[in-house]
C-alpha atoms as a PDB file:
ATOM      1  CA  MET A   1      74.411-102.065  28.258  1.00  0.00           C
ATOM      2  CA  ALA A   2      77.088-104.545  27.841  1.00  0.00           C
ATOM      3  CA  ILE A   3      77.840-106.465  24.591  1.00  0.00           C
ATOM      4  CA  THR A   4      76.935-110.048  24.776  1.00  0.00           C
ATOM      5  CA  THR A   5      79.322-113.450  24.935  1.00  0.00           C
ATOM      6  CA  GLU A   6      77.234-114.331  21.457  1.00  0.00           C
ATOM      7  CA  ALA A   7      77.877-111.217  19.996  1.00  0.00           C
ATOM      8  CA  LEU A   8      82.125-111.489  20.530  1.00  0.00           C
ATOM      9  CA  THR A   9      82.570-115.108  19.057  1.00  0.00           C
ATOM     10  CA  GLY A  10      81.798-116.869  16.262  1.00  0.00           C
ATOM     11  CA  GLY A  11      83.610-114.724  13.422  1.00  0.00           C
ATOM     12  CA  PHE A  12      86.212-115.600  11.140  1.00  0.00           C
ATOM     13  CA  ALA A  13      89.053-117.288  12.884  1.00  0.00           C
ATOM     14  CA  ASP A  14      91.322-116.048   9.946  1.00  0.00           C
ATOM     15  CA  PRO A  15      89.399-112.533   8.987  1.00  0.00           C
ATOM     16  CA  VAL A  16      92.120-111.610   5.828  1.00  0.00           C
ATOM     17  CA  PHE A  17      92.061-115.365   4.718  1.00  0.00           C
ATOM     18  CA  HIS A  18      88.578-116.289   5.042  1.00  0.00           C
ATOM     19  CA  ALA A  19      87.028-112.837   3.778  1.00  0.00           C
ATOM     20  CA  GLN A  20      89.261-113.270   0.749  1.00  0.00           C
ATOM     21  CA  SER A  21      87.939-116.731   0.238  1.00  0.00           C
ATOM     22  CA  VAL A  22      84.513-115.816   0.357  1.00  0.00           C
ATOM     23  CA  PHE A  23      84.994-112.693  -1.581  1.00  0.00           C
ATOM     24  CA  LYS A  24      86.340-115.129  -4.503  1.00  0.00           C
ATOM     25  CA  THR A  25      83.455-117.539  -4.403  1.00  0.00           C
ATOM     26  CA  LEU A  26      80.350-114.337  -4.302  1.00  0.00           C
ATOM     27  CA  MET A  27      82.299-113.139  -7.443  1.00  0.00           C
ATOM     28  CA  ASP A  28      81.797-116.850  -8.844  1.00  0.00           C
ATOM     29  CA  GLY A  29      78.301-116.791  -7.938  1.00  0.00           C
ATOM     30  CA  MET A  30      77.621-113.129  -9.372  1.00  0.00           C
ATOM     31  CA  ALA A  31      79.479-114.016 -12.633  1.00  0.00           C
ATOM     32  CA  ARG A  32      77.245-117.344 -13.117  1.00  0.00           C
ATOM     33  CA  PRO A  33      73.760-116.520 -11.340  1.00  0.00           C
ATOM     34  CA  GLY A  34      71.843-119.098 -10.144  1.00  0.00           C
ATOM     35  CA  THR A  35      74.951-121.381  -9.332  1.00  0.00           C
ATOM     36  CA  ILE A  36      74.877-122.780  -5.682  1.00  0.00           C
ATOM     37  CA  GLN A  37      77.713-122.021  -3.883  1.00  0.00           C
ATOM     38  CA  THR A  38      79.294-122.845  -0.646  1.00  0.00           C
ATOM     39  CA  ALA A  39      80.099-120.789   2.090  1.00  0.00           C
ATOM     40  CA  GLU A  40      83.552-122.698   3.331  1.00  0.00           C
ATOM     41  CA  PRO A  41      84.472-120.922   6.502  1.00  0.00           C
ATOM     42  CA  ASP A  42      83.385-122.551   9.971  1.00  0.00           C
ATOM     43  CA  ILE A  43      81.056-119.543  11.500  1.00  0.00           C
ATOM     44  CA  ASP A  44      78.459-119.704  14.126  1.00  0.00           C
ATOM     45  CA  PRO A  45      76.284-116.591  13.833  1.00  0.00           C
ATOM     46  CA  PRO A  46      73.969-115.555  16.271  1.00  0.00           C
ATOM     47  CA  ALA A  47      70.078-116.788  15.127  1.00  0.00           C
ATOM     48  CA  PRO A  48      68.102-116.180  12.992  1.00  0.00           C
ATOM     49  CA  LEU A  49      71.153-115.325  10.705  1.00  0.00           C
ATOM     50  CA  GLY A  50      72.425-118.232   8.599  1.00  0.00           C
ATOM     51  CA  ILE A  51      75.902-119.291   8.083  1.00  0.00           C
ATOM     52  CA  ALA A  52      76.177-118.128   4.305  1.00  0.00           C
ATOM     53  CA  ALA A  53      74.540-114.943   5.492  1.00  0.00           C
ATOM     54  CA  GLY A  54      76.958-114.390   8.239  1.00  0.00           C
ATOM     55  CA  THR A  55      80.026-114.680   6.015  1.00  0.00           C
ATOM     56  CA  ILE A  56      78.578-112.380   3.323  1.00  0.00           C
ATOM     57  CA  ALA A  57      77.956-109.946   6.330  1.00  0.00           C
ATOM     58  CA  LEU A  58      81.839-110.628   7.202  1.00  0.00           C
ATOM     59  CA  THR A  59      82.942-110.175   3.996  1.00  0.00           C
ATOM     60  CA  LEU A  60      80.903-107.126   2.769  1.00  0.00           C
ATOM     61  CA  CYS A  61      80.246-105.259   5.631  1.00  0.00           C
ATOM     62  CA  ASP A  62      82.344-102.594   6.814  1.00  0.00           C
ATOM     63  CA  HIS A  63      82.127 -99.355   9.047  1.00  0.00           C
ATOM     64  CA  ASP A  64      81.249 -97.428   5.519  1.00  0.00           C
ATOM     65  CA  THR A  65      78.370 -99.838   4.973  1.00  0.00           C
ATOM     66  CA  PRO A  66      74.825 -99.397   6.586  1.00  0.00           C
ATOM     67  CA  VAL A  67      73.112-102.459   7.230  1.00  0.00           C
ATOM     68  CA  TRP A  68      69.407-102.702   7.350  1.00  0.00           C
ATOM     69  CA  LEU A  69      68.056-105.916   9.198  1.00  0.00           C
ATOM     70  CA  THR A  70      64.615-107.053   9.456  1.00  0.00           C
ATOM     71  CA  GLN A  71      62.567-107.113  12.717  1.00  0.00           C
ATOM     72  CA  GLY A  72      63.616-110.864  13.891  1.00  0.00           C
ATOM     73  CA  LEU A  73      67.372-109.609  13.326  1.00  0.00           C
ATOM     74  CA  THR A  74      67.450-106.628  14.804  1.00  0.00           C
ATOM     75  CA  ARG A  75      65.872-108.303  17.919  1.00  0.00           C
ATOM     76  CA  SER A  76      68.763-110.637  18.093  1.00  0.00           C
ATOM     77  CA  ALA A  77      72.541-110.638  18.808  1.00  0.00           C
ATOM     78  CA  VAL A  78      72.894-109.897  15.406  1.00  0.00           C
ATOM     79  CA  PRO A  79      73.694-105.877  15.653  1.00  0.00           C
ATOM     80  CA  GLU A  80      76.149-106.628  17.990  1.00  0.00           C
ATOM     81  CA  TRP A  81      77.723-109.226  16.162  1.00  0.00           C
ATOM     82  CA  LEU A  82      78.040-107.443  13.099  1.00  0.00           C
ATOM     83  CA  GLY A  83      79.084-104.409  14.778  1.00  0.00           C
ATOM     84  CA  PHE A  84      81.889-105.881  17.069  1.00  0.00           C
ATOM     85  CA  HIS A  85      83.553-108.349  14.309  1.00  0.00           C
ATOM     86  CA  ALA A  86      82.755-105.656  11.239  1.00  0.00           C
ATOM     87  CA  GLY A  87      82.135-102.348  12.492  1.00  0.00           C
ATOM     88  CA  ALA A  88      79.076-102.186  10.191  1.00  0.00           C
ATOM     89  CA  PRO A  89      76.365 -99.446  11.306  1.00  0.00           C
ATOM     90  CA  LEU A  90      72.644-100.142  11.384  1.00  0.00           C
ATOM     91  CA  THR A  91      70.305 -97.764   9.584  1.00  0.00           C
ATOM     92  CA  ALA A  92      66.269 -98.020   9.803  1.00  0.00           C
ATOM     93  CA  GLU A  93      66.116 -96.752   6.328  1.00  0.00           C
ATOM     94  CA  LYS A  94      66.253 -99.147   3.814  1.00  0.00           C
ATOM     95  CA  ALA A  95      66.839 -96.681   1.230  1.00  0.00           C
ATOM     96  CA  ASP A  96      70.113 -95.731   3.171  1.00  0.00           C
ATOM     97  CA  ALA A  97      71.271 -99.649   3.297  1.00  0.00           C
ATOM     98  CA  ARG A  98      74.118-101.146   1.758  1.00  0.00           C
ATOM     99  CA  PHE A  99      73.294-104.643   2.483  1.00  0.00           C
ATOM    100  CA  ALA A 100      70.000-105.630   3.965  1.00  0.00           C
ATOM    101  CA  PHE A 101      69.822-109.245   5.480  1.00  0.00           C
ATOM    102  CA  ILE A 102      66.490-110.957   5.659  1.00  0.00           C
ATOM    103  CA  GLU A 103      65.803-114.144   7.656  1.00  0.00           C
ATOM    104  CA  ALA A 104      63.879-117.145   6.656  1.00  0.00           C
ATOM    105  CA  GLY A 105      59.890-116.415   6.903  1.00  0.00           C
ATOM    106  CA  THR A 106      59.871-112.677   6.355  1.00  0.00           C
ATOM    107  CA  ALA A 107      57.409-111.199   3.547  1.00  0.00           C
ATOM    108  CA  LEU A 108      59.341-109.204   1.016  1.00  0.00           C
ATOM    109  CA  CYS A 109      58.423-105.656   0.719  1.00  0.00           C
ATOM    110  CA  SER A 110      58.691-104.074  -2.801  1.00  0.00           C
ATOM    111  CA  PHE A 111      62.565-103.658  -3.850  1.00  0.00           C
ATOM    112  CA  GLY A 112      62.021-100.170  -4.964  1.00  0.00           C
ATOM    113  CA  LEU A 113      62.058 -99.325  -0.832  1.00  0.00           C
ATOM    114  CA  PHE A 114      65.975-100.073  -1.226  1.00  0.00           C
ATOM    115  CA  ALA A 115      68.421 -98.205  -3.100  1.00  0.00           C
ATOM    116  CA  SER A 116      69.024 -98.483  -6.542  1.00  0.00           C
ATOM    117  CA  GLY A 117      71.803 -96.374  -7.382  1.00  0.00           C
ATOM    118  CA  THR A 118      72.101 -93.776  -9.959  1.00  0.00           C
ATOM    119  CA  GLN A 119      72.476 -93.668 -13.815  1.00  0.00           C
ATOM    120  CA  GLU A 120      75.949 -92.055 -12.926  1.00  0.00           C
ATOM    121  CA  TYR A 121      76.673 -94.386  -9.679  1.00  0.00           C
ATOM    122  CA  PRO A 122      74.618 -97.815 -10.158  1.00  0.00           C
ATOM    123  CA  ASP A 123      76.628 -99.409  -7.859  1.00  0.00           C
ATOM    124  CA  ARG A 124      75.167 -97.050  -4.711  1.00  0.00           C
ATOM    125  CA  SER A 125      72.503 -99.545  -4.604  1.00  0.00           C
ATOM    126  CA  THR A 126      71.282-102.541  -1.780  1.00  0.00           C
ATOM    127  CA  THR A 127      72.308-105.748  -2.134  1.00  0.00           C
ATOM    128  CA  LEU A 128      69.807-108.013  -0.511  1.00  0.00           C
ATOM    129  CA  VAL A 129      70.662-111.259   1.253  1.00  0.00           C
ATOM    130  CA  ILE A 130      67.215-113.376   1.908  1.00  0.00           C
ATOM    131  CA  GLU A 131      67.712-116.343   3.869  1.00  0.00           C
ATOM    132  CA  LEU A 132      65.224-119.193   2.594  1.00  0.00           C
ATOM    133  CA  PRO A 133      64.396-122.645   4.249  1.00  0.00           C
ATOM    134  CA  ALA A 134      66.077-124.587   1.154  1.00  0.00           C
ATOM    135  CA  LEU A 135      67.795-123.444  -2.225  1.00  0.00           C
ATOM    136  CA  GLU A 136      65.755-126.396  -4.149  1.00  0.00           C
ATOM    137  CA  GLY A 137      62.700-128.010  -4.146  1.00  0.00           C
ATOM    138  CA  GLY A 138      60.522-125.086  -4.846  1.00  0.00           C
ATOM    139  CA  HIS A 139      58.438-123.360  -7.637  1.00  0.00           C
ATOM    140  CA  ARG A 140      61.054-123.376 -10.787  1.00  0.00           C
ATOM    141  CA  LEU A 141      62.543-120.130 -12.031  1.00  0.00           C
ATOM    142  CA  ALA A 142      64.354-120.026 -15.630  1.00  0.00           C
ATOM    143  CA  LEU A 143      66.914-117.455 -15.494  1.00  0.00           C
ATOM    144  CA  MET A 144      68.481-115.940 -18.623  1.00  0.00           C
ATOM    145  CA  GLY A 145      70.808-113.544 -19.097  1.00  0.00           C
ATOM    146  CA  PRO A 146      74.780-112.573 -18.819  1.00  0.00           C
ATOM    147  CA  GLY A 147      76.741-115.679 -17.383  1.00  0.00           C
ATOM    148  CA  ILE A 148      74.076-117.944 -18.526  1.00  0.00           C
ATOM    149  CA  GLU A 149      75.168-119.737 -21.840  1.00  0.00           C
ATOM    150  CA  SER A 150      71.243-120.422 -22.526  1.00  0.00           C
ATOM    151  CA  VAL A 151      69.067-121.111 -19.239  1.00  0.00           C
ATOM    152  CA  THR A 152      69.610-122.216 -16.069  1.00  0.00           C
ATOM    153  CA  GLU A 153      67.103-123.303 -13.507  1.00  0.00           C
ATOM    154  CA  ILE A 154      66.488-122.681  -9.836  1.00  0.00           C
ATOM    155  CA  ALA A 155      63.992-123.815  -7.314  1.00  0.00           C
ATOM    156  CA  PRO A 156      64.457-121.948  -3.962  1.00  0.00           C
ATOM    157  CA  VAL A 157      61.652-122.645  -1.280  1.00  0.00           C
ATOM    158  CA  GLY A 158      60.118-119.515   0.153  1.00  0.00           C
ATOM    159  CA  LEU A 159      60.060-117.131  -2.128  1.00  0.00           C
ATOM    160  CA  PRO A 160      56.684-115.558  -2.793  1.00  0.00           C
ATOM    161  CA  GLU A 161      54.792-115.904  -5.975  1.00  0.00           C
ATOM    162  CA  THR A 162      54.932-112.073  -6.603  1.00  0.00           C
ATOM    163  CA  PHE A 163      58.826-112.711  -6.695  1.00  0.00           C
ATOM    164  CA  PRO A 164      58.880-112.730 -10.417  1.00  0.00           C
ATOM    165  CA  ARG A 165      56.996-109.674 -10.842  1.00  0.00           C
ATOM    166  CA  LEU A 166      58.935-107.755  -8.031  1.00  0.00           C
ATOM    167  CA  TRP A 167      61.979-108.801 -10.142  1.00  0.00           C
ATOM    168  CA  ALA A 168      61.037-107.846 -13.251  1.00  0.00           C
ATOM    169  CA  GLU A 169      60.272-104.396 -11.965  1.00  0.00           C
ATOM    170  CA  ASN A 170      63.734-104.210 -10.280  1.00  0.00           C
ATOM    171  CA  ARG A 171      65.305-105.355 -13.743  1.00  0.00           C
ATOM    172  CA  ALA A 172      63.650-102.408 -15.592  1.00  0.00           C
ATOM    173  CA  LEU A 173      65.892-100.048 -13.899  1.00  0.00           C
ATOM    174  CA  PHE A 174      69.038-101.381 -15.490  1.00  0.00           C
ATOM    175  CA  PRO A 175      71.625-100.341 -14.913  1.00  0.00           C
ATOM    176  CA  ARG A 176      69.904 -99.080 -11.803  1.00  0.00           C
ATOM    177  CA  GLY A 177      68.678-101.769  -9.579  1.00  0.00           C
ATOM    178  CA  ILE A 178      69.149-104.126  -6.409  1.00  0.00           C
ATOM    179  CA  ASP A 179      71.111-107.100  -6.772  1.00  0.00           C
ATOM    180  CA  ILE A 180      69.697-110.212  -4.200  1.00  0.00           C
ATOM    181  CA  VAL A 181      72.129-113.210  -2.582  1.00  0.00           C
ATOM    182  CA  LEU A 182      69.505-116.154  -1.619  1.00  0.00           C
ATOM    183  CA  THR A 183      70.735-118.270   0.896  1.00  0.00           C
ATOM    184  CA  SER A 184      70.036-121.341   3.144  1.00  0.00           C
ATOM    185  CA  GLY A 185      72.532-122.871   5.462  1.00  0.00           C
ATOM    186  CA  LYS A 186      75.699-122.862   4.286  1.00  0.00           C
ATOM    187  CA  ARG A 187      74.508-122.526   0.818  1.00  0.00           C
ATOM    188  CA  PHE A 188      74.076-119.426  -1.616  1.00  0.00           C
ATOM    189  CA  LEU A 189      73.228-118.184  -5.326  1.00  0.00           C
ATOM    190  CA  CYS A 190      73.530-114.703  -6.616  1.00  0.00           C
ATOM    191  CA  LEU A 191      70.885-113.023  -8.671  1.00  0.00           C
ATOM    192  CA  PRO A 192      72.499-109.887 -10.303  1.00  0.00           C
ATOM    193  CA  ARG A 193      70.116-107.270 -11.611  1.00  0.00           C
ATOM    194  CA  THR A 194      71.260-108.200 -15.183  1.00  0.00           C
ATOM    195  CA  THR A 195      69.251-111.606 -15.013  1.00  0.00           C
ATOM    196  CA  LYS A 196      66.052-112.106 -16.320  1.00  0.00           C
ATOM    197  CA  ILE A 197      63.815-114.306 -14.279  1.00  0.00           C
ATOM    198  CA  THR A 198      60.690-115.777 -15.151  1.00  0.00           C
ATOM    199  CA  ALA A 199      58.496-118.569 -13.715  1.00  0.00           C
ATOM    200  CA  THR A 200      58.373-121.945 -15.601  1.00  0.00           C
ATOM    201  CA  GLU A 201      55.359-124.170 -15.878  1.00  0.00           C
ATOM    202  CA  ILE A 202      54.456-126.779 -13.504  1.00  0.00           C
END
């Protein structure tokens, strides 16, 4: 099957410089959980992959990082796009994925289905990149933990009510567990496994 034109275009104009820039922004986001960051490179990934999710994919994924995609992404030009620009192989098994990309509107499964690493190698876990309609204007969540002076509040739109419970189960595995990046358009925020997340009172 011939690769589509959509898969050949829309990547980094300057792969090395842009990947370094996005990586620095991602590390800042992980160091300051809940802080909204902006993906600066101007890319055009195939729908339904968002710009921030696409920049993260091009920065972190390569031929050694199996990627799991939700059905909507799998049926689009995204697999070819990732293969062409990042060389990343796809996996159908959540537990084998180093990165998982979830488009907006997709129901979240148990985080325990993804790789949580081992006690000796906790970094051998899956990072989930979850696209949402918006990162502000939803139900408020309180964040506490490393990188947060006291409490940081976020209010993403589109997370299920079960998210705090799912996250508490994940955090209980520490030092094992997944990390999450929430994205919306060009913006994203990071939720490392060290962060405590609780729902705030309405």
